[in-house]
Structures are given as structure tokens and as C-alpha cells.
Amino acid sequence: MNLFLLTLMLLNKTSITISSPAFSNNGNIPAQYTCEGKNINPAIQIGTVPKETKSLTLIVDDPDADKGVITHWVAWNIDPATSKIEENSKPGIQGKNEKGELGYMGPCPATGMHHYYFKVYALDKKLDLKAGASKAEVLNAINGHILAEGELVGLYQKKQ
């Protein structure tokens, strides 16, 4: 899917408020949610979604990596009534992260400060994808079905 077209589609969508009790937008992600800690996902709070929402999709990635965008978490078909994704949970159907594993992979940048984008999409349908799908497959599947979206950015730099 052409990222330019996806960006254009998103510009016309309603916003969803996304937050976390663990860190503020553009704030530092606590170490427990990284490779230097427990490597579990932080809790994510999701604001009001459009009434027509049939499912939610979550994508977490890091565009600051030397080798390109790193996928940290992909999940879809999350119940649209979900207002909070609990810490250390696996909502919906899990896709593959950069390591080829299902579920969350915490921040672990080789060098410097990185930005981690937690993106939630409200969709007008459930996705017909099997567990283990890639971020690219999910982005392709949500094309034309996004009702609203929201984003939370966390920062992390390894201590060691």
C-alpha cells in the first residue's frame, strides 16, 4: 500500500484520544516496558470511537531505526467497546513483530533516543486475517475502512 495514499486517507478521519497511565504523549516510556525491563506492553487507554466502529486495530512502530521502520506490535479485531488495553495483554488477534513473534516487542534501540508510535484505528469492519499477519498485510486490509484514528508517541533510549 502506498504510504502517501494512506496518509491522505487519514487526514480526513476523526481523531481518537489515545493515552497511557505509564507515560505522557512525547514522554519517556518506563524501562519495565522495554528490553531492559519486563518487556511487557504498557496499558493504553482509548477514547470514544465512532458508533459505526466494528473493530479496532493497534500498530506500534519505531521509524528511527537505522534499518528502517521497526514493527513492535500489531493487533486487530479488538472489540470496539475496548476503552483500555491492559498492561501485559494480548488484545484481539496478534500479528508478527520485527522478530517474527506474535505480540508486543518492547523498545530496544541500539543507539540514541527513538520515538515509538502507538496507533489505534477504528474500522468499519472486522479484518479477515489470520494470526501472524504482518504490518503491511494489516495496513493493506484497513485501506478504505478507517473511520477514526489516534496516536500516542513514547520516547526511549537504552540506559546500558
Protein backbone atom coordinates (compact mmCIF):
# COMPACT_ATOMS: atom_id res chain seq x y z
CA MET A 1 0.00 0.00 0.00
CA ASN A 2 1.25 3.43 -0.88
CA LEU A 3 2.01 5.28 2.38
CA PHE A 4 1.23 8.63 0.74
CA LEU A 5 -2.31 7.46 -0.06
CA LEU A 6 -2.75 6.07 3.46
CA THR A 7 -1.64 9.43 4.88
CA LEU A 8 -4.14 11.27 2.69
CA MET A 9 -6.91 8.93 3.84
CA LEU A 10 -6.04 9.52 7.49
CA LEU A 11 -6.07 13.31 7.16
CA ASN A 12 -9.84 13.24 6.66
CA LYS A 13 -10.64 10.93 9.59
CA THR A 14 -11.99 11.64 13.06
CA SER A 15 -9.47 11.57 15.89
CA ILE A 16 -9.46 9.14 18.79
CA THR A 17 -7.75 10.18 22.01
CA ILE A 18 -5.02 7.68 22.93
CA SER A 19 -3.15 7.85 26.25
CA SER A 20 -1.30 5.70 28.74
CA PRO A 21 -1.09 5.82 32.53
CA ALA A 22 2.58 4.79 32.11
CA PHE A 23 3.81 7.79 30.09
CA SER A 24 2.56 11.03 28.57
CA ASN A 25 2.48 11.86 24.86
CA ASN A 26 6.10 12.52 23.79
CA GLY A 27 7.19 11.36 27.25
CA ASN A 28 9.67 8.67 28.23
CA ILE A 29 8.49 5.06 28.23
CA PRO A 30 9.38 3.45 31.59
CA ALA A 31 12.08 0.76 31.35
CA GLN A 32 9.74 -2.02 32.51
CA TYR A 33 8.05 -1.87 29.07
CA THR A 34 11.36 -2.30 27.22
CA CYS A 35 14.07 -4.90 26.62
CA GLU A 36 15.81 -3.53 29.71
CA GLY A 37 12.82 -4.39 31.90
CA LYS A 38 9.94 -6.87 31.77
CA ASN A 39 9.38 -6.25 28.03
CA ILE A 40 5.60 -6.08 28.53
CA ASN A 41 3.20 -3.68 26.86
CA PRO A 42 2.10 -0.59 28.76
CA ALA A 43 -1.62 -0.03 29.35
CA ILE A 44 -3.22 2.01 26.57
CA GLN A 45 -6.41 4.00 27.09
CA ILE A 46 -8.67 4.54 24.07
CA GLY A 47 -11.10 7.43 23.87
CA THR A 48 -14.53 7.44 22.25
CA VAL A 49 -14.74 5.80 18.83
CA PRO A 50 -17.44 6.34 16.18
CA LYS A 51 -20.70 4.43 16.76
CA GLU A 52 -20.23 2.56 13.47
CA THR A 53 -16.92 1.03 14.60
CA LYS A 54 -16.83 -2.76 14.14
CA SER A 55 -13.24 -3.35 15.32
CA LEU A 56 -10.05 -1.63 16.45
CA THR A 57 -6.54 -2.16 15.12
CA LEU A 58 -3.35 -1.33 17.01
CA ILE A 59 0.08 -0.79 15.46
CA VAL A 60 3.24 0.19 17.34
CA ASP A 61 6.36 1.05 15.39
CA ASP A 62 9.68 2.89 15.55
CA PRO A 63 10.63 4.93 12.48
CA ASP A 64 14.01 5.99 13.93
CA ALA A 65 15.85 2.70 13.45
CA ASP A 66 18.89 2.68 11.18
CA LYS A 67 17.48 -0.15 9.07
CA GLY A 68 14.07 1.48 8.59
CA VAL A 69 10.76 1.32 10.45
CA ILE A 70 10.69 -1.42 13.11
CA THR A 71 7.34 -3.05 13.91
CA HIS A 72 6.88 -3.59 17.66
CA TRP A 73 3.24 -4.69 17.85
CA VAL A 74 0.34 -5.40 15.53
CA ALA A 75 -3.12 -6.44 16.76
CA TRP A 76 -6.53 -6.30 15.10
CA ASN A 77 -10.18 -7.24 15.60
CA ILE A 78 -10.02 -5.68 19.05
CA ASP A 79 -13.54 -5.21 20.45
CA PRO A 80 -14.69 -1.64 19.63
CA ALA A 81 -16.06 -1.29 23.19
CA THR A 82 -12.48 -1.55 24.50
CA SER A 83 -11.54 1.59 26.40
CA LYS A 84 -8.32 0.20 27.86
CA ILE A 85 -5.78 -2.32 26.67
CA GLU A 86 -4.38 -3.72 29.87
CA GLU A 87 -0.68 -3.91 30.68
CA ASN A 88 0.90 -7.21 29.61
CA SER A 89 -2.09 -8.29 27.49
CA LYS A 90 -2.80 -9.61 24.01
CA PRO A 91 -5.96 -7.93 22.73
CA GLY A 92 -7.66 -9.11 19.55
CA ILE A 93 -5.66 -11.15 17.06
CA GLN A 94 -1.87 -10.77 17.22
CA GLY A 95 0.38 -10.14 14.25
CA LYS A 96 4.12 -10.54 13.87
CA ASN A 97 6.56 -8.03 15.29
CA GLU A 98 10.05 -7.37 13.88
CA LYS A 99 11.41 -10.57 15.47
CA GLY A 100 8.72 -12.63 13.72
CA GLU A 101 6.99 -13.32 17.04
CA LEU A 102 3.35 -12.71 17.92
CA GLY A 103 2.58 -9.87 20.31
CA TYR A 104 4.40 -6.93 21.82
CA MET A 105 8.14 -6.33 21.49
CA GLY A 106 9.38 -3.54 23.73
CA PRO A 107 11.68 -0.70 22.74
CA CYS A 108 15.35 -1.65 22.49
CA PRO A 109 17.14 0.94 20.33
CA ALA A 110 20.78 0.26 19.50
CA THR A 111 21.73 3.93 19.84
CA GLY A 112 20.13 7.24 20.71
CA MET A 113 16.60 8.32 21.53
CA HIS A 114 13.83 6.72 19.47
CA HIS A 115 10.14 7.57 19.01
CA TYR A 116 7.56 4.79 19.40
CA TYR A 117 4.20 5.42 17.75
CA PHE A 118 1.20 3.68 19.34
CA LYS A 119 -1.53 3.99 16.69
CA VAL A 120 -5.15 2.91 17.06
CA TYR A 121 -7.55 2.71 14.12
CA ALA A 122 -11.34 2.40 14.37
CA LEU A 123 -12.60 0.35 11.42
CA ASP A 124 -15.98 -0.16 9.77
CA LYS A 125 -15.37 -3.93 9.61
CA LYS A 126 -13.52 -6.83 11.19
CA LEU A 127 -10.40 -7.92 9.34
CA ASP A 128 -10.26 -11.32 7.67
CA LEU A 129 -6.63 -12.03 8.57
CA LYS A 130 -5.09 -14.94 10.43
CA ALA A 131 -2.82 -14.56 13.45
CA GLY A 132 0.74 -13.82 12.41
CA ALA A 133 -0.10 -11.36 9.63
CA SER A 134 2.46 -8.63 9.01
CA LYS A 135 2.01 -4.90 9.49
CA ALA A 136 1.96 -4.50 5.70
CA GLU A 137 -0.87 -7.02 5.39
CA VAL A 138 -2.84 -5.24 8.12
CA LEU A 139 -2.29 -1.82 6.52
CA ASN A 140 -3.48 -3.22 3.21
CA ALA A 141 -6.58 -4.72 4.86
CA ILE A 142 -7.57 -1.47 6.65
CA ASN A 143 -7.27 0.55 3.44
CA GLY A 144 -10.63 2.26 2.86
CA HIS A 145 -12.09 1.10 6.19
CA ILE A 146 -10.69 3.63 8.70
CA LEU A 147 -13.38 5.65 10.49
CA ALA A 148 -11.07 7.32 13.02
CA GLU A 149 -7.54 7.08 14.33
CA GLY A 150 -5.39 8.20 17.21
CA GLU A 151 -1.73 8.23 18.12
CA LEU A 152 0.41 8.29 21.24
CA VAL A 153 4.18 8.79 20.98
CA GLY A 154 6.59 7.46 23.57
CA LEU A 155 10.35 8.02 23.73
CA TYR A 156 13.05 5.62 24.79
CA GLN A 157 16.86 5.49 24.91
CA LYS A 158 18.67 2.50 26.35
CA LYS A 159 20.42 3.09 29.66
CA GLN A 160 23.14 0.48 29.09
